Amino acid sequence: MNNMNQMMKQVKKMQEQMLKAQEELGDKVMEGTSGGGVVNVKVNGHKKVLSIDIKPEAVDPDDVEMLQDLILTAVNDALTKAEELANQDMGKFTGGMKIPGLF
């Protein structure tokens, strides 16, 4: 019975550490870029877009599709980095297993 209590304490401690790590992801900022830096997107570790910066040279009224592509590329770059960070940070607790709904 003592082993069960000790194991439950360890599980509770790990859960608390995981929650703290998830919260801390929200404070981490990743940046995605495209077009050689003419479009920059910042996201946090919770995969929320924080800002989009578009330099004037990226705006061509005759080629709106190019700007749209640059924005999509930068957003996807930033989100990929956020996903990698979340996997790295939370992987410490899951041993690399993907647990649905965890992150």
N, C-alpha and C. Protein backbone atom coordinates (compact mmCIF):
# COMPACT_ATOMS: atom_id res chain seq x y z
N MET A 1 0.82 -1.20 0.00
CA MET A 1 0.00 0.00 0.00
C MET A 1 0.86 1.26 0.00
N ASN A 2 1.99 1.20 0.70
CA ASN A 2 2.90 2.33 0.76
C ASN A 2 3.44 2.67 -0.62
N ASN A 3 3.75 1.63 -1.41
CA ASN A 3 4.24 1.86 -2.76
C ASN A 3 3.20 2.56 -3.62
N MET A 4 1.92 2.20 -3.44
CA MET A 4 0.84 2.83 -4.19
C MET A 4 0.73 4.31 -3.85
N ASN A 5 0.82 4.64 -2.58
CA ASN A 5 0.76 6.05 -2.16
C ASN A 5 1.94 6.83 -2.73
N GLN A 6 3.11 6.23 -2.70
CA GLN A 6 4.30 6.90 -3.23
C GLN A 6 4.15 7.10 -4.74
N MET A 7 3.63 6.09 -5.43
CA MET A 7 3.43 6.21 -6.87
C MET A 7 2.42 7.31 -7.19
N MET A 8 1.35 7.40 -6.43
CA MET A 8 0.34 8.44 -6.65
C MET A 8 0.92 9.83 -6.42
N LYS A 9 1.79 9.97 -5.43
CA LYS A 9 2.46 11.25 -5.19
C LYS A 9 3.34 11.62 -6.38
N GLN A 10 4.04 10.64 -6.93
CA GLN A 10 4.90 10.90 -8.08
C GLN A 10 4.07 11.30 -9.30
N VAL A 11 2.93 10.64 -9.50
CA VAL A 11 2.05 10.97 -10.62
C VAL A 11 1.52 12.39 -10.46
N LYS A 12 1.11 12.73 -9.26
CA LYS A 12 0.60 14.08 -9.00
C LYS A 12 1.68 15.13 -9.25
N LYS A 13 2.90 14.85 -8.82
CA LYS A 13 4.01 15.78 -9.03
C LYS A 13 4.28 15.95 -10.53
N MET A 14 4.24 14.85 -11.27
CA MET A 14 4.47 14.94 -12.71
C MET A 14 3.37 15.73 -13.39
N GLN A 15 2.12 15.55 -12.96
CA GLN A 15 1.01 16.32 -13.52
C GLN A 15 1.21 17.81 -13.28
N GLU A 16 1.63 18.16 -12.08
CA GLU A 16 1.87 19.57 -11.76
C GLU A 16 2.99 20.14 -12.64
N GLN A 17 4.04 19.36 -12.83
CA GLN A 17 5.15 19.81 -13.68
C GLN A 17 4.69 19.98 -15.13
N MET A 18 3.85 19.07 -15.60
CA MET A 18 3.34 19.16 -16.97
C MET A 18 2.47 20.40 -17.14
N LEU A 19 1.61 20.68 -16.18
CA LEU A 19 0.77 21.87 -16.25
C LEU A 19 1.61 23.13 -16.28
N LYS A 20 2.64 23.16 -15.44
CA LYS A 20 3.52 24.32 -15.41
C LYS A 20 4.24 24.48 -16.76
N ALA A 21 4.71 23.38 -17.33
CA ALA A 21 5.40 23.44 -18.63
C ALA A 21 4.44 23.92 -19.71
N GLN A 22 3.18 23.48 -19.68
CA GLN A 22 2.20 23.93 -20.66
C GLN A 22 1.96 25.43 -20.52
N GLU A 23 1.84 25.90 -19.30
CA GLU A 23 1.63 27.34 -19.08
C GLU A 23 2.82 28.15 -19.60
N GLU A 24 4.02 27.64 -19.34
CA GLU A 24 5.23 28.35 -19.77
C GLU A 24 5.34 28.42 -21.28
N LEU A 25 4.76 27.47 -22.00
CA LEU A 25 4.78 27.53 -23.46
C LEU A 25 4.12 28.81 -23.96
N GLY A 26 3.13 29.30 -23.24
CA GLY A 26 2.45 30.53 -23.64
C GLY A 26 3.34 31.75 -23.57
N ASP A 27 4.40 31.67 -22.80
CA ASP A 27 5.32 32.80 -22.66
C ASP A 27 6.45 32.76 -23.70
N LYS A 28 6.59 31.64 -24.38
CA LYS A 28 7.67 31.50 -25.36
C LYS A 28 7.17 31.96 -26.73
N VAL A 29 8.02 32.70 -27.44
CA VAL A 29 7.65 33.26 -28.72
C VAL A 29 8.58 32.72 -29.80
N MET A 30 7.97 32.23 -30.88
CA MET A 30 8.72 31.77 -32.03
C MET A 30 8.39 32.69 -33.19
N GLU A 31 9.35 32.81 -34.11
CA GLU A 31 9.16 33.70 -35.25
C GLU A 31 9.32 32.91 -36.54
N GLY A 32 8.39 33.12 -37.44
CA GLY A 32 8.47 32.53 -38.77
C GLY A 32 8.66 33.65 -39.79
N THR A 33 9.42 33.37 -40.82
CA THR A 33 9.67 34.39 -41.84
C THR A 33 9.49 33.81 -43.23
N SER A 34 9.33 34.69 -44.19
CA SER A 34 9.32 34.29 -45.59
C SER A 34 9.75 35.47 -46.44
N GLY A 35 10.06 35.16 -47.69
CA GLY A 35 10.47 36.22 -48.62
C GLY A 35 11.73 36.91 -48.20
N GLY A 36 12.64 36.17 -47.60
CA GLY A 36 13.89 36.78 -47.15
C GLY A 36 13.70 37.77 -46.02
N GLY A 37 12.63 37.60 -45.26
CA GLY A 37 12.41 38.46 -44.10
C GLY A 37 11.43 39.59 -44.34
N VAL A 38 10.78 39.62 -45.51
CA VAL A 38 9.82 40.71 -45.75
C VAL A 38 8.50 40.47 -45.02
N VAL A 39 8.26 39.22 -44.64
CA VAL A 39 7.09 38.91 -43.82
C VAL A 39 7.57 38.14 -42.60
N ASN A 40 7.22 38.64 -41.42
CA ASN A 40 7.57 38.01 -40.15
C ASN A 40 6.30 37.78 -39.34
N VAL A 41 6.19 36.58 -38.79
CA VAL A 41 5.04 36.25 -37.96
C VAL A 41 5.56 35.73 -36.63
N LYS A 42 4.96 36.20 -35.54
CA LYS A 42 5.32 35.72 -34.21
C LYS A 42 4.13 34.97 -33.63
N VAL A 43 4.42 33.79 -33.06
CA VAL A 43 3.41 33.00 -32.38
C VAL A 43 3.95 32.59 -31.02
N ASN A 44 3.04 32.27 -30.10
CA ASN A 44 3.51 31.76 -28.82
C ASN A 44 3.45 30.24 -28.83
N GLY A 45 3.90 29.65 -27.75
CA GLY A 45 3.94 28.21 -27.66
C GLY A 45 2.57 27.55 -27.62
N HIS A 46 1.52 28.34 -27.47
CA HIS A 46 0.16 27.82 -27.53
C HIS A 46 -0.40 27.93 -28.95
N LYS A 47 0.47 28.27 -29.89
CA LYS A 47 0.14 28.37 -31.32
C LYS A 47 -0.86 29.48 -31.61
N LYS A 48 -0.74 30.57 -30.87
CA LYS A 48 -1.56 31.76 -31.12
C LYS A 48 -0.71 32.79 -31.83
N VAL A 49 -1.21 33.34 -32.93
CA VAL A 49 -0.49 34.36 -33.67
C VAL A 49 -0.50 35.64 -32.84
N LEU A 50 0.70 36.17 -32.58
CA LEU A 50 0.83 37.39 -31.78
C LEU A 50 0.97 38.63 -32.65
N SER A 51 1.70 38.49 -33.76
CA SER A 51 1.87 39.64 -34.64
C SER A 51 2.27 39.18 -36.04
N ILE A 52 1.96 40.04 -37.01
CA ILE A 52 2.38 39.86 -38.39
C ILE A 52 2.99 41.18 -38.84
N ASP A 53 4.22 41.11 -39.31
CA ASP A 53 4.92 42.31 -39.77
C ASP A 53 5.20 42.14 -41.26
N ILE A 54 4.71 43.08 -42.06
CA ILE A 54 4.91 43.03 -43.51
C ILE A 54 5.65 44.29 -43.93
N LYS A 55 6.81 44.11 -44.52
CA LYS A 55 7.59 45.25 -44.99
C LYS A 55 6.96 45.79 -46.28
N PRO A 56 7.04 47.09 -46.49
CA PRO A 56 6.39 47.72 -47.65
C PRO A 56 6.79 47.09 -48.99
N GLU A 57 8.03 46.64 -49.10
CA GLU A 57 8.47 46.07 -50.38
C GLU A 57 7.76 44.76 -50.72
N ALA A 58 7.06 44.17 -49.75
CA ALA A 58 6.32 42.94 -49.99
C ALA A 58 4.95 43.21 -50.61
N VAL A 59 4.52 44.47 -50.57
CA VAL A 59 3.19 44.82 -51.05
C VAL A 59 3.25 45.30 -52.49
N ASP A 60 2.66 44.50 -53.37
CA ASP A 60 2.53 44.85 -54.78
C ASP A 60 1.06 44.70 -55.14
N PRO A 61 0.35 45.82 -55.34
CA PRO A 61 -1.09 45.74 -55.62
C PRO A 61 -1.43 44.87 -56.83
N ASP A 62 -0.47 44.70 -57.72
CA ASP A 62 -0.72 43.88 -58.90
C ASP A 62 -0.45 42.40 -58.65
N ASP A 63 0.06 42.05 -57.46
CA ASP A 63 0.38 40.66 -57.17
C ASP A 63 0.01 40.33 -55.72
N VAL A 64 -1.27 40.43 -55.43
CA VAL A 64 -1.78 40.15 -54.09
C VAL A 64 -1.55 38.69 -53.72
N GLU A 65 -1.62 37.79 -54.69
CA GLU A 65 -1.42 36.37 -54.41
C GLU A 65 -0.03 36.10 -53.84
N MET A 66 0.97 36.82 -54.30
CA MET A 66 2.32 36.64 -53.78
C MET A 66 2.37 37.00 -52.29
N LEU A 67 1.74 38.10 -51.92
CA LEU A 67 1.71 38.51 -50.52
C LEU A 67 0.97 37.46 -49.68
N GLN A 68 -0.13 36.96 -50.19
CA GLN A 68 -0.87 35.92 -49.47
C GLN A 68 0.00 34.69 -49.25
N ASP A 69 0.74 34.29 -50.28
CA ASP A 69 1.64 33.14 -50.16
C ASP A 69 2.73 33.39 -49.14
N LEU A 70 3.29 34.60 -49.12
CA LEU A 70 4.33 34.94 -48.16
C LEU A 70 3.80 34.86 -46.73
N ILE A 71 2.60 35.37 -46.53
CA ILE A 71 2.00 35.34 -45.19
C ILE A 71 1.74 33.89 -44.76
N LEU A 72 1.17 33.09 -45.64
CA LEU A 72 0.92 31.68 -45.31
C LEU A 72 2.21 30.95 -44.97
N THR A 73 3.24 31.20 -45.74
CA THR A 73 4.51 30.53 -45.50
C THR A 73 5.09 30.93 -44.14
N ALA A 74 5.04 32.22 -43.82
CA ALA A 74 5.57 32.70 -42.54
C ALA A 74 4.76 32.16 -41.37
N VAL A 75 3.44 32.14 -41.50
CA VAL A 75 2.59 31.62 -40.41
C VAL A 75 2.88 30.13 -40.20
N ASN A 76 2.94 29.38 -41.28
CA ASN A 76 3.21 27.94 -41.15
C ASN A 76 4.59 27.69 -40.58
N ASP A 77 5.57 28.50 -40.94
CA ASP A 77 6.92 28.37 -40.40
C ASP A 77 6.90 28.58 -38.88
N ALA A 78 6.21 29.63 -38.45
CA ALA A 78 6.14 29.92 -37.01
C ALA A 78 5.38 28.84 -36.26
N LEU A 79 4.28 28.36 -36.83
CA LEU A 79 3.50 27.31 -36.16
C LEU A 79 4.27 25.99 -36.09
N THR A 80 5.04 25.70 -37.11
CA THR A 80 5.88 24.50 -37.08
C THR A 80 6.89 24.60 -35.95
N LYS A 81 7.50 25.77 -35.79
CA LYS A 81 8.45 25.97 -34.70
C LYS A 81 7.77 25.84 -33.34
N ALA A 82 6.55 26.35 -33.22
CA ALA A 82 5.81 26.24 -31.96
C ALA A 82 5.50 24.78 -31.65
N GLU A 83 5.12 24.03 -32.67
CA GLU A 83 4.82 22.60 -32.49
C GLU A 83 6.08 21.85 -32.05
N GLU A 84 7.20 22.15 -32.70
CA GLU A 84 8.46 21.49 -32.33
C GLU A 84 8.85 21.82 -30.89
N LEU A 85 8.66 23.07 -30.50
CA LEU A 85 8.98 23.47 -29.13
C LEU A 85 8.08 22.73 -28.13
N ALA A 86 6.79 22.66 -28.44
CA ALA A 86 5.86 21.97 -27.55
C ALA A 86 6.23 20.50 -27.44
N ASN A 87 6.55 19.87 -28.56
CA ASN A 87 6.95 18.46 -28.53
C ASN A 87 8.22 18.26 -27.71
N GLN A 88 9.15 19.19 -27.85
CA GLN A 88 10.41 19.11 -27.11
C GLN A 88 10.17 19.29 -25.61
N ASP A 89 9.43 20.32 -25.25
CA ASP A 89 9.19 20.62 -23.84
C ASP A 89 8.34 19.55 -23.17
N MET A 90 7.29 19.12 -23.83
CA MET A 90 6.39 18.14 -23.22
C MET A 90 6.90 16.72 -23.38
N GLY A 91 7.78 16.50 -24.32
CA GLY A 91 8.35 15.17 -24.53
C GLY A 91 9.13 14.68 -23.33
N LYS A 92 9.58 15.61 -22.50
CA LYS A 92 10.29 15.24 -21.27
C LYS A 92 9.39 14.41 -20.36
N PHE A 93 8.08 14.67 -20.44
CA PHE A 93 7.14 14.00 -19.56
C PHE A 93 6.51 12.77 -20.19
N THR A 94 6.40 12.79 -21.52
CA THR A 94 5.68 11.71 -22.20
C THR A 94 6.62 10.68 -22.81
N GLY A 95 7.90 10.92 -22.74
CA GLY A 95 8.85 9.98 -23.33
C GLY A 95 8.73 9.91 -24.84
N GLY A 96 8.25 10.98 -25.46
CA GLY A 96 8.09 11.03 -26.91
C GLY A 96 6.76 10.50 -27.41
N MET A 97 5.92 9.97 -26.51
CA MET A 97 4.60 9.49 -26.93
C MET A 97 3.71 10.69 -27.20
N LYS A 98 2.91 10.60 -28.24
CA LYS A 98 1.94 11.67 -28.54
C LYS A 98 0.64 11.32 -27.83
N ILE A 99 0.27 12.14 -26.88
CA ILE A 99 -0.94 11.91 -26.12
C ILE A 99 -1.98 12.92 -26.61
N PRO A 100 -3.07 12.45 -27.23
CA PRO A 100 -4.08 13.36 -27.78
C PRO A 100 -4.60 14.34 -26.73
N GLY A 101 -4.71 15.61 -27.14
CA GLY A 101 -5.26 16.63 -26.26
C GLY A 101 -4.29 17.22 -25.27
N LEU A 102 -3.07 16.65 -25.20
CA LEU A 102 -2.11 17.15 -24.22
C LEU A 102 -1.48 18.45 -24.70
N PHE A 103 -1.08 18.51 -25.97
CA PHE A 103 -0.48 19.72 -26.52
C PHE A 103 -0.57 19.70 -28.01
